[in-house]
C-alpha atoms as a PDB file:
ATOM      1  CA  UNK A   1       9.830 -10.916   1.120  1.00  0.00           C
ATOM      2  CA  UNK A   2      10.523  -7.604  -0.028  1.00  0.00           C
ATOM      3  CA  UNK A   3      11.537  -3.930   1.153  1.00  0.00           C
ATOM      4  CA  UNK A   4       9.469  -1.204   1.660  1.00  0.00           C
ATOM      5  CA  UNK A   5      11.344   1.700   3.211  1.00  0.00           C
ATOM      6  CA  UNK A   6      12.213   0.136   6.465  1.00  0.00           C
ATOM      7  CA  UNK A   7       9.729  -2.349   6.569  1.00  0.00           C
ATOM      8  CA  UNK A   8       9.773  -6.086   5.443  1.00  0.00           C
ATOM      9  CA  UNK A   9       6.867  -6.985   3.005  1.00  0.00           C
ATOM     10  CA  UNK A  10       5.860 -10.615   3.396  1.00  0.00           C
ATOM     11  CA  UNK A  11       3.577 -11.010   0.696  1.00  0.00           C
ATOM     12  CA  UNK A  12       3.086 -14.889   1.151  1.00  0.00           C
ATOM     13  CA  UNK A  13       2.248 -14.227   4.783  1.00  0.00           C
ATOM     14  CA  UNK A  14       0.385 -10.703   4.059  1.00  0.00           C
ATOM     15  CA  UNK A  15       2.616  -9.389   6.956  1.00  0.00           C
ATOM     16  CA  UNK A  16       4.568  -5.853   7.567  1.00  0.00           C
ATOM     17  CA  UNK A  17       7.678  -6.359   9.761  1.00  0.00           C
ATOM     18  CA  UNK A  18       9.061  -3.159  11.262  1.00  0.00           C
ATOM     19  CA  UNK A  19      11.970  -4.166  13.936  1.00  0.00           C
ATOM     20  CA  UNK A  20      10.240  -6.363  16.341  1.00  0.00           C
ATOM     21  CA  UNK A  21       6.486  -5.034  15.038  1.00  0.00           C
ATOM     22  CA  UNK A  22       4.365  -6.993  12.948  1.00  0.00           C
ATOM     23  CA  UNK A  23       1.332  -5.909  11.032  1.00  0.00           C
ATOM     24  CA  UNK A  24      -0.998  -8.435   9.627  1.00  0.00           C
ATOM     25  CA  UNK A  25      -2.571  -7.292   6.228  1.00  0.00           C
ATOM     26  CA  UNK A  26      -5.591  -8.079   4.522  1.00  0.00           C
ATOM     27  CA  UNK A  27      -5.616  -9.922   0.933  1.00  0.00           C
ATOM     28  CA  UNK A  28      -6.954  -6.775  -0.389  1.00  0.00           C
ATOM     29  CA  UNK A  29      -4.378  -4.772   1.871  1.00  0.00           C
ATOM     30  CA  UNK A  30      -1.561  -6.743   0.320  1.00  0.00           C
ATOM     31  CA  UNK A  31      -2.944  -6.604  -2.928  1.00  0.00           C
ATOM     32  CA  UNK A  32      -2.699  -3.084  -2.859  1.00  0.00           C
ATOM     33  CA  UNK A  33       0.355  -2.702  -1.547  1.00  0.00           C
ATOM     34  CA  UNK A  34       1.809  -4.854  -4.045  1.00  0.00           C
ATOM     35  CA  UNK A  35       0.444  -2.719  -7.141  1.00  0.00           C
ATOM     36  CA  UNK A  36       1.416   0.240  -5.697  1.00  0.00           C
ATOM     37  CA  UNK A  37       5.164  -1.327  -5.120  1.00  0.00           C
ATOM     38  CA  UNK A  38       5.296  -2.638  -8.846  1.00  0.00           C
ATOM     39  CA  UNK A  39       4.506   0.882  -9.927  1.00  0.00           C
ATOM     40  CA  UNK A  40       6.457   3.027  -6.988  1.00  0.00           C
ATOM     41  CA  UNK A  41       7.042   6.719  -8.011  1.00  0.00           C
ATOM     42  CA  UNK A  42       3.982   6.034 -10.453  1.00  0.00           C
ATOM     43  CA  UNK A  43       0.334   7.061 -10.284  1.00  0.00           C
ATOM     44  CA  UNK A  44      -1.843   4.137 -10.194  1.00  0.00           C
ATOM     45  CA  UNK A  45      -5.101   5.216 -11.697  1.00  0.00           C
ATOM     46  CA  UNK A  46      -8.517   4.892  -9.303  1.00  0.00           C
ATOM     47  CA  UNK A  47     -10.623   2.779 -11.995  1.00  0.00           C
ATOM     48  CA  UNK A  48      -7.193   0.329 -12.530  1.00  0.00           C
ATOM     49  CA  UNK A  49      -7.006  -0.039  -8.909  1.00  0.00           C
ATOM     50  CA  UNK A  50     -10.611  -1.108  -7.687  1.00  0.00           C
ATOM     51  CA  UNK A  51     -10.853  -3.007 -11.085  1.00  0.00           C
ATOM     52  CA  UNK A  52      -7.356  -5.251  -9.606  1.00  0.00           C
ATOM     53  CA  UNK A  53      -8.764  -5.473  -6.294  1.00  0.00           C
ATOM     54  CA  UNK A  54     -12.339  -6.316  -6.382  1.00  0.00           C
ATOM     55  CA  UNK A  55     -13.385  -6.955 -10.204  1.00  0.00           C
ATOM     56  CA  UNK A  56     -13.233 -10.570  -9.547  1.00  0.00           C
ATOM     57  CA  UNK A  57     -15.694 -10.879  -6.725  1.00  0.00           C
ATOM     58  CA  UNK A  58     -17.938  -9.031  -9.104  1.00  0.00           C
ATOM     59  CA  UNK A  59     -18.916  -6.874  -6.324  1.00  0.00           C
ATOM     60  CA  UNK A  60     -19.828  -3.051  -7.392  1.00  0.00           C
ATOM     61  CA  UNK A  61     -17.656  -0.909  -5.359  1.00  0.00           C
ATOM     62  CA  UNK A  62     -17.564   2.913  -4.588  1.00  0.00           C
ATOM     63  CA  UNK A  63     -14.597   4.772  -4.830  1.00  0.00           C
ATOM     64  CA  UNK A  64     -14.987   5.492  -1.082  1.00  0.00           C
ATOM     65  CA  UNK A  65     -13.961   1.598  -0.431  1.00  0.00           C
ATOM     66  CA  UNK A  66     -10.789   2.659  -2.186  1.00  0.00           C
ATOM     67  CA  UNK A  67      -9.713   5.412  -0.186  1.00  0.00           C
ATOM     68  CA  UNK A  68     -10.580   3.626   2.839  1.00  0.00           C
ATOM     69  CA  UNK A  69      -8.659   0.654   1.916  1.00  0.00           C
ATOM     70  CA  UNK A  70      -5.569   3.315   1.364  1.00  0.00           C
ATOM     71  CA  UNK A  71      -6.560   4.901   4.650  1.00  0.00           C
ATOM     72  CA  UNK A  72      -5.690   1.402   6.458  1.00  0.00           C
ATOM     73  CA  UNK A  73      -2.575   0.825   4.610  1.00  0.00           C
ATOM     74  CA  UNK A  74      -1.374   4.150   5.187  1.00  0.00           C
ATOM     75  CA  UNK A  75      -1.716   3.554   9.107  1.00  0.00           C
ATOM     76  CA  UNK A  76       0.092   0.193   9.092  1.00  0.00           C
ATOM     77  CA  UNK A  77       2.947   1.790   7.235  1.00  0.00           C
ATOM     78  CA  UNK A  78       2.988   4.590   9.611  1.00  0.00           C
ATOM     79  CA  UNK A  79       6.208   3.925  11.378  1.00  0.00           C
ATOM     80  CA  UNK A  80       7.982   4.556   8.282  1.00  0.00           C
ATOM     81  CA  UNK A  81       8.004   8.604   7.674  1.00  0.00           C
ATOM     82  CA  UNK A  82       9.936   7.987   4.579  1.00  0.00           C
ATOM     83  CA  UNK A  83       6.636   6.182   2.974  1.00  0.00           C
ATOM     84  CA  UNK A  84       4.069   8.133   1.501  1.00  0.00           C
ATOM     85  CA  UNK A  85       1.128   7.021  -0.285  1.00  0.00           C
ATOM     86  CA  UNK A  86      -0.064  10.066  -2.214  1.00  0.00           C
ATOM     87  CA  UNK A  87      -3.247  10.895  -3.447  1.00  0.00           C
ATOM     88  CA  UNK A  88      -3.088  12.569  -6.841  1.00  0.00           C
ATOM     89  CA  UNK A  89      -6.782  14.197  -6.823  1.00  0.00           C
ATOM     90  CA  UNK A  90      -9.268  12.401  -9.475  1.00  0.00           C
ATOM     91  CA  UNK A  91      -6.634  10.514 -10.896  1.00  0.00           C
ATOM     92  CA  UNK A  92      -5.331   8.116  -8.076  1.00  0.00           C
ATOM     93  CA  UNK A  93      -2.530   7.090  -5.762  1.00  0.00           C
ATOM     94  CA  UNK A  94       1.147   7.028  -5.613  1.00  0.00           C
ATOM     95  CA  UNK A  95       3.226   5.247  -3.525  1.00  0.00           C
ATOM     96  CA  UNK A  96       6.964   7.254  -2.354  1.00  0.00           C
ATOM     97  CA  UNK A  97       9.499   5.884  -0.552  1.00  0.00           C
ATOM     98  CA  UNK A  98      12.545   8.604   0.227  1.00  0.00           C
ATOM     99  CA  UNK A  99      16.060   7.158   0.803  1.00  0.00           C
ATOM    100  CA  UNK A 100      16.545   8.876   4.100  1.00  0.00           C
ATOM    101  CA  UNK A 101      17.592   5.933   6.057  1.00  0.00           C
ATOM    102  CA  UNK A 102      17.921   8.099   9.294  1.00  0.00           C
ATOM    103  CA  UNK A 103      15.513   5.697  10.894  1.00  0.00           C
ATOM    104  CA  UNK A 104      15.619   2.374  12.488  1.00  0.00           C
ATOM    105  CA  UNK A 105      17.262  -0.252  10.392  1.00  0.00           C
END
């Protein structure tokens, strides 16, 4: 289990826990969050992310698929205002977690 801001990220069970609230993640959401966490505060290239998330399935994906996935993950992380997945236009995405711990612990 890892911490993402005020969330606990249970990778093996694909869950995000915030206080008493639990969000179940899809395989792709779990993988995306893991990649973004590994490179926290670093821009993750779109092609790299798409390759990591879909290459093994042999499916040709359009970048819109990645945008939709990021959007779903943002919603599931929305209870903690210190977590931000920012879009770097034409490049990729970056996970930023500010250290403002004024939220719930």
